[in-house]
C-alpha atoms as a PDB file:
ATOM      1  CA  MET A   1      -3.371  23.207   0.710  1.00  0.00           C
ATOM      2  CA  ALA A   2      -3.122  23.734   4.440  1.00  0.00           C
ATOM      3  CA  ALA A   3      -1.027  21.452   6.693  1.00  0.00           C
ATOM      4  CA  ASN A   4      -2.830  19.149   9.046  1.00  0.00           C
ATOM      5  CA  PRO A   5      -1.665  18.905  12.671  1.00  0.00           C
ATOM      6  CA  THR A   6       0.518  15.799  12.805  1.00  0.00           C
ATOM      7  CA  LEU A   7      -1.521  12.646  13.483  1.00  0.00           C
ATOM      8  CA  ALA A   8      -0.832  10.330  16.455  1.00  0.00           C
ATOM      9  CA  GLY A   9       1.775   7.933  15.608  1.00  0.00           C
ATOM     10  CA  THR A  10       2.937   9.670  12.470  1.00  0.00           C
ATOM     11  CA  ALA A  11       6.731  10.076  12.017  1.00  0.00           C
ATOM     12  CA  PRO A  12       7.931  13.531  11.823  1.00  0.00           C
ATOM     13  CA  ALA A  13       9.151  13.041   8.382  1.00  0.00           C
ATOM     14  CA  THR A  14       5.598  12.223   7.022  1.00  0.00           C
ATOM     15  CA  ASN A  15       3.972  15.481   5.676  1.00  0.00           C
ATOM     16  CA  THR A  16      -0.034  15.348   5.834  1.00  0.00           C
ATOM     17  CA  THR A  17      -1.960  17.946   4.018  1.00  0.00           C
ATOM     18  CA  THR A  18      -5.724  18.408   3.350  1.00  0.00           C
ATOM     19  CA  ASN A  19      -7.195  19.264   0.206  1.00  0.00           C
ATOM     20  CA  THR A  20     -11.175  19.793  -0.650  1.00  0.00           C
ATOM     21  CA  THR A  21     -12.556  18.119  -3.706  1.00  0.00           C
ATOM     22  CA  MET A  22     -15.160  19.907  -5.826  1.00  0.00           C
ATOM     23  CA  ALA A  23     -17.752  18.165  -3.673  1.00  0.00           C
ATOM     24  CA  GLY A  24     -16.416  19.829  -0.704  1.00  0.00           C
ATOM     25  CA  ALA A  25     -15.279  16.568   0.917  1.00  0.00           C
ATOM     26  CA  PRO A  26     -11.763  16.843   2.681  1.00  0.00           C
ATOM     27  CA  VAL A  27      -9.101  14.396   1.457  1.00  0.00           C
ATOM     28  CA  MET A  28      -5.688  13.677   2.669  1.00  0.00           C
ATOM     29  CA  VAL A  29      -2.460  14.040   0.650  1.00  0.00           C
ATOM     30  CA  ILE A  30       0.456  12.087   2.193  1.00  0.00           C
ATOM     31  CA  GLU A  31       4.253  12.566   1.290  1.00  0.00           C
ATOM     32  CA  ALA A  32       6.578  10.337   3.308  1.00  0.00           C
ATOM     33  CA  ALA A  33      10.222  11.606   3.647  1.00  0.00           C
ATOM     34  CA  GLY A  34      10.787  12.537  -0.029  1.00  0.00           C
ATOM     35  CA  LEU A  35       9.096   9.408  -1.419  1.00  0.00           C
ATOM     36  CA  ALA A  36       6.258  11.125  -3.139  1.00  0.00           C
ATOM     37  CA  GLY A  37       6.784  12.284  -6.671  1.00  0.00           C
ATOM     38  CA  ARG A  38       9.636   9.842  -7.221  1.00  0.00           C
ATOM     39  CA  SER A  39       9.575   6.895  -9.475  1.00  0.00           C
ATOM     40  CA  MET A  40       9.094   3.520  -7.992  1.00  0.00           C
ATOM     41  CA  GLY A  41      12.703   2.642  -8.756  1.00  0.00           C
ATOM     42  CA  GLN A  42      13.927   5.773  -7.077  1.00  0.00           C
ATOM     43  CA  ARG A  43      11.699   5.038  -4.063  1.00  0.00           C
ATOM     44  CA  SER A  44      12.798   1.624  -3.956  1.00  0.00           C
ATOM     45  CA  ARG A  45      16.479   2.711  -3.619  1.00  0.00           C
ATOM     46  CA  LEU A  46      15.675   5.202  -0.779  1.00  0.00           C
ATOM     47  CA  ALA A  47      13.472   3.041   1.150  1.00  0.00           C
ATOM     48  CA  ASP A  48      16.212   0.121   0.934  1.00  0.00           C
ATOM     49  CA  THR A  49      18.448   2.510   2.631  1.00  0.00           C
ATOM     50  CA  ALA A  50      16.180   4.021   5.281  1.00  0.00           C
ATOM     51  CA  ALA A  51      16.963   2.228   8.252  1.00  0.00           C
ATOM     52  CA  GLY A  52      16.928  -1.031   6.651  1.00  0.00           C
ATOM     53  CA  GLY A  53      13.265  -0.448   5.281  1.00  0.00           C
ATOM     54  CA  GLY A  54      11.886  -0.407   8.699  1.00  0.00           C
ATOM     55  CA  GLU A  55      12.396  -4.009   9.515  1.00  0.00           C
ATOM     56  CA  SER A  56      15.402  -5.953  10.869  1.00  0.00           C
ATOM     57  CA  GLY A  57      16.364  -9.338  10.397  1.00  0.00           C
ATOM     58  CA  PRO A  58      14.723 -11.883   7.776  1.00  0.00           C
ATOM     59  CA  ARG A  59      11.443 -11.360   6.578  1.00  0.00           C
ATOM     60  CA  PRO A  60       8.779 -13.999   5.968  1.00  0.00           C
ATOM     61  CA  PHE A  61       8.130 -14.990   2.176  1.00  0.00           C
ATOM     62  CA  SER A  62      10.914 -12.762   1.108  1.00  0.00           C
ATOM     63  CA  ASP A  63      11.893 -14.932  -1.774  1.00  0.00           C
ATOM     64  CA  LEU A  64       8.232 -14.549  -3.172  1.00  0.00           C
ATOM     65  CA  VAL A  65       8.051 -10.894  -2.409  1.00  0.00           C
ATOM     66  CA  HIS A  66      11.437 -10.182  -4.130  1.00  0.00           C
ATOM     67  CA  ALA A  67      10.286 -12.355  -7.199  1.00  0.00           C
ATOM     68  CA  ALA A  68       7.013 -10.569  -7.318  1.00  0.00           C
ATOM     69  CA  SER A  69       8.674  -7.257  -7.155  1.00  0.00           C
ATOM     70  CA  ARG A  70      11.188  -7.948 -10.093  1.00  0.00           C
ATOM     71  CA  ARG A  71       8.320  -9.348 -12.031  1.00  0.00           C
ATOM     72  CA  TYR A  72       5.883  -6.507 -11.666  1.00  0.00           C
ATOM     73  CA  SER A  73       8.530  -3.703 -11.443  1.00  0.00           C
ATOM     74  CA  LEU A  74       7.599  -2.842  -7.834  1.00  0.00           C
ATOM     75  CA  ASP A  75       9.471  -1.907  -4.574  1.00  0.00           C
ATOM     76  CA  ALA A  76      10.088  -5.194  -2.576  1.00  0.00           C
ATOM     77  CA  GLN A  77       9.663  -2.743   0.622  1.00  0.00           C
ATOM     78  CA  LEU A  78       6.364  -1.591  -0.569  1.00  0.00           C
ATOM     79  CA  LEU A  79       5.097  -5.319  -0.771  1.00  0.00           C
ATOM     80  CA  HIS A  80       6.550  -6.192   2.765  1.00  0.00           C
ATOM     81  CA  ALA A  81       4.993  -2.968   4.201  1.00  0.00           C
ATOM     82  CA  ILE A  82       1.566  -3.962   2.852  1.00  0.00           C
ATOM     83  CA  ILE A  83       1.787  -7.644   3.992  1.00  0.00           C
ATOM     84  CA  ARG A  84       2.647  -6.382   7.476  1.00  0.00           C
ATOM     85  CA  VAL A  85      -0.176  -4.025   7.740  1.00  0.00           C
ATOM     86  CA  GLU A  86      -2.671  -6.111   6.033  1.00  0.00           C
ATOM     87  CA  SER A  87      -2.036  -9.686   7.645  1.00  0.00           C
ATOM     88  CA  ASN A  88       0.845  -9.097  10.135  1.00  0.00           C
ATOM     89  CA  GLY A  89       2.602 -11.780   7.799  1.00  0.00           C
ATOM     90  CA  ASN A  90      -0.193 -14.401   8.537  1.00  0.00           C
ATOM     91  CA  PRO A  91      -0.935 -16.500   5.373  1.00  0.00           C
ATOM     92  CA  ARG A  92      -4.368 -17.563   6.770  1.00  0.00           C
ATOM     93  CA  ALA A  93      -5.487 -14.160   7.687  1.00  0.00           C
ATOM     94  CA  ARG A  94      -9.354 -13.544   6.824  1.00  0.00           C
ATOM     95  CA  SER A  95     -11.090 -10.300   7.197  1.00  0.00           C
ATOM     96  CA  LYS A  96     -14.702  -9.722   8.149  1.00  0.00           C
ATOM     97  CA  ALA A  97     -15.113  -8.284   4.536  1.00  0.00           C
ATOM     98  CA  GLY A  98     -13.683 -11.524   3.014  1.00  0.00           C
ATOM     99  CA  ALA A  99     -10.271 -10.387   2.019  1.00  0.00           C
ATOM    100  CA  LEU A 100      -7.757 -13.385   2.132  1.00  0.00           C
ATOM    101  CA  GLY A 101      -4.096 -14.045   2.951  1.00  0.00           C
ATOM    102  CA  LEU A 102      -0.994 -12.151   3.340  1.00  0.00           C
ATOM    103  CA  MET A 103      -2.017  -9.031   1.205  1.00  0.00           C
ATOM    104  CA  GLN A 104      -5.761  -9.401   1.952  1.00  0.00           C
ATOM    105  CA  VAL A 105      -6.889  -9.923  -1.585  1.00  0.00           C
ATOM    106  CA  MET A 106     -10.589  -9.771  -2.087  1.00  0.00           C
ATOM    107  CA  PRO A 107     -11.930 -12.713  -4.187  1.00  0.00           C
ATOM    108  CA  GLY A 108     -13.191 -10.363  -6.753  1.00  0.00           C
ATOM    109  CA  THR A 109      -9.774  -8.973  -7.327  1.00  0.00           C
ATOM    110  CA  GLY A 110      -8.341 -12.436  -7.516  1.00  0.00           C
ATOM    111  CA  ALA A 111     -10.853 -13.375 -10.207  1.00  0.00           C
ATOM    112  CA  ARG A 112      -9.827 -10.278 -12.011  1.00  0.00           C
ATOM    113  CA  TYR A 113      -6.303 -11.758 -12.259  1.00  0.00           C
ATOM    114  CA  GLY A 114      -7.400 -15.169 -13.204  1.00  0.00           C
ATOM    115  CA  VAL A 115      -7.858 -16.809  -9.625  1.00  0.00           C
ATOM    116  CA  LYS A 116     -11.268 -18.680 -10.070  1.00  0.00           C
ATOM    117  CA  ASN A 117     -11.091 -20.437  -6.633  1.00  0.00           C
ATOM    118  CA  PRO A 118     -11.005 -17.954  -3.687  1.00  0.00           C
ATOM    119  CA  SER A 119      -9.083 -20.720  -1.591  1.00  0.00           C
ATOM    120  CA  GLU A 120      -6.190 -20.594  -3.937  1.00  0.00           C
ATOM    121  CA  LEU A 121      -5.638 -16.894  -2.625  1.00  0.00           C
ATOM    122  CA  MET A 122      -4.619 -18.576   0.862  1.00  0.00           C
ATOM    123  CA  GLN A 123      -1.535 -19.795  -0.845  1.00  0.00           C
ATOM    124  CA  PRO A 124       1.404 -17.255  -0.244  1.00  0.00           C
ATOM    125  CA  GLU A 125       2.568 -17.412  -3.883  1.00  0.00           C
ATOM    126  CA  VAL A 126      -0.640 -16.787  -5.322  1.00  0.00           C
ATOM    127  CA  ASN A 127      -1.597 -14.084  -2.978  1.00  0.00           C
ATOM    128  CA  ILE A 128       1.596 -12.193  -3.437  1.00  0.00           C
ATOM    129  CA  ASP A 129       1.595 -12.552  -6.989  1.00  0.00           C
ATOM    130  CA  VAL A 130      -2.210 -11.282  -7.320  1.00  0.00           C
ATOM    131  CA  GLY A 131      -1.543  -8.541  -4.780  1.00  0.00           C
ATOM    132  CA  ALA A 132       1.638  -7.334  -6.637  1.00  0.00           C
ATOM    133  CA  ARG A 133      -0.250  -7.251 -10.074  1.00  0.00           C
ATOM    134  CA  TYR A 134      -2.975  -5.249  -8.539  1.00  0.00           C
ATOM    135  CA  LEU A 135      -0.232  -2.943  -7.130  1.00  0.00           C
ATOM    136  CA  SER A 136       1.367  -2.700 -10.520  1.00  0.00           C
ATOM    137  CA  ASP A 137      -1.855  -2.022 -12.280  1.00  0.00           C
ATOM    138  CA  LEU A 138      -2.643   0.820  -9.707  1.00  0.00           C
ATOM    139  CA  SER A 139       0.740   2.362 -10.024  1.00  0.00           C
ATOM    140  CA  ARG A 140       0.339   2.817 -13.746  1.00  0.00           C
ATOM    141  CA  MET A 141      -3.256   4.132 -13.187  1.00  0.00           C
ATOM    142  CA  PHE A 142      -2.164   6.642 -10.646  1.00  0.00           C
ATOM    143  CA  GLY A 143       0.894   7.687 -12.458  1.00  0.00           C
ATOM    144  CA  ASP A 144       3.359   6.385  -9.587  1.00  0.00           C
ATOM    145  CA  ARG A 145       1.654   8.544  -6.992  1.00  0.00           C
ATOM    146  CA  LEU A 146       2.395   6.087  -4.072  1.00  0.00           C
ATOM    147  CA  ASP A 147       0.094   7.482  -1.665  1.00  0.00           C
ATOM    148  CA  LEU A 148      -2.751   6.994  -4.113  1.00  0.00           C
ATOM    149  CA  VAL A 149      -1.704   3.525  -5.064  1.00  0.00           C
ATOM    150  CA  VAL A 150      -1.819   2.761  -1.444  1.00  0.00           C
ATOM    151  CA  ALA A 151      -5.020   4.331  -0.865  1.00  0.00           C
ATOM    152  CA  ALA A 152      -6.555   2.534  -3.941  1.00  0.00           C
ATOM    153  CA  TYR A 153      -5.293  -0.950  -2.664  1.00  0.00           C
ATOM    154  CA  ASN A 154      -7.206  -0.278   0.579  1.00  0.00           C
ATOM    155  CA  ALA A 155     -10.358   1.434  -0.612  1.00  0.00           C
ATOM    156  CA  GLY A 156     -10.503   0.517  -4.306  1.00  0.00           C
ATOM    157  CA  GLU A 157      -9.398   2.653  -7.320  1.00  0.00           C
ATOM    158  CA  GLY A 158     -13.080   4.057  -7.777  1.00  0.00           C
ATOM    159  CA  ALA A 159     -12.987   5.552  -4.276  1.00  0.00           C
ATOM    160  CA  VAL A 160      -9.732   7.320  -5.123  1.00  0.00           C
ATOM    161  CA  MET A 161     -10.995   8.618  -8.437  1.00  0.00           C
ATOM    162  CA  ARG A 162     -14.482   9.561  -6.725  1.00  0.00           C
ATOM    163  CA  TYR A 163     -12.474  11.987  -4.410  1.00  0.00           C
ATOM    164  CA  GLY A 164     -10.800  13.851  -7.141  1.00  0.00           C
ATOM    165  CA  MET A 165      -7.623  11.468  -7.264  1.00  0.00           C
ATOM    166  CA  ALA A 166      -6.902  11.880  -3.764  1.00  0.00           C
ATOM    167  CA  ILE A 167      -7.068   9.793  -0.631  1.00  0.00           C
ATOM    168  CA  PRO A 168     -10.601   9.228   0.290  1.00  0.00           C
ATOM    169  CA  PRO A 169     -11.860  10.709   3.553  1.00  0.00           C
ATOM    170  CA  TYR A 170     -12.324   7.371   5.304  1.00  0.00           C
ATOM    171  CA  ALA A 171     -10.598   7.110   8.619  1.00  0.00           C
ATOM    172  CA  GLU A 172      -9.546   3.510   7.849  1.00  0.00           C
ATOM    173  CA  THR A 173      -8.071   4.502   4.565  1.00  0.00           C
ATOM    174  CA  GLN A 174      -6.299   7.357   5.961  1.00  0.00           C
ATOM    175  CA  ASP A 175      -4.660   5.354   8.917  1.00  0.00           C
ATOM    176  CA  TYR A 176      -3.764   2.508   6.380  1.00  0.00           C
ATOM    177  CA  VAL A 177      -1.875   5.064   4.202  1.00  0.00           C
ATOM    178  CA  GLN A 178      -0.096   6.456   7.134  1.00  0.00           C
ATOM    179  CA  ARG A 179       0.891   3.089   8.531  1.00  0.00           C
ATOM    180  CA  VAL A 180       2.265   1.847   5.090  1.00  0.00           C
ATOM    181  CA  MET A 181       3.846   5.003   3.984  1.00  0.00           C
ATOM    182  CA  GLY A 182       5.516   5.025   7.631  1.00  0.00           C
ATOM    183  CA  ARG A 183       6.961   1.720   7.199  1.00  0.00           C
ATOM    184  CA  LEU A 184       8.523   2.631   3.924  1.00  0.00           C
ATOM    185  CA  ASP A 185       9.850   5.738   5.809  1.00  0.00           C
ATOM    186  CA  GLY A 186      11.980   3.591   7.831  1.00  0.00           C
ATOM    187  CA  GLY A 187       9.390   3.393  10.804  1.00  0.00           C
ATOM    188  CA  ALA A 188       8.219  -0.090  11.989  1.00  0.00           C
ATOM    189  CA  ARG A 189       4.522   0.813  12.981  1.00  0.00           C
END
């Protein structure tokens, strides 16, 4: 793997490399300041100590985030980072693609986890629970490779698998992974 030049806005502690799949498509592999290759629990402890997790002061929906992180054995910092990048903390956020709420959950993903009425995804407790359950499943699917978990949350697990268990070469997904990982690395992007 050859190192890529640092992308604009990327913290120096974030390593970006490219790889090529069998199909010849370039894909990105990202490691943020020693967080990649560690268990979710180890990353949680490291991220919690890194500049306060990249945020200062109280965070919106912290109680719900911490409850979901305990319930699904996830790093609360990861949930906070995804909420910040996905919706900037707006529980009423709606994307053009149809994603809803704080964690921008698609109605199909909600249905996968038993939410039959998409409007329920606008309730912070439902949205955070579904988003955290999905992240937990992705974590098991990708063997705790946090960069792939984050990429799959954005692009779907099928896209990550199609590109040889690597971050798909979609500019939006590559930027998304950089932004989420940067927040875990103590940066507030």
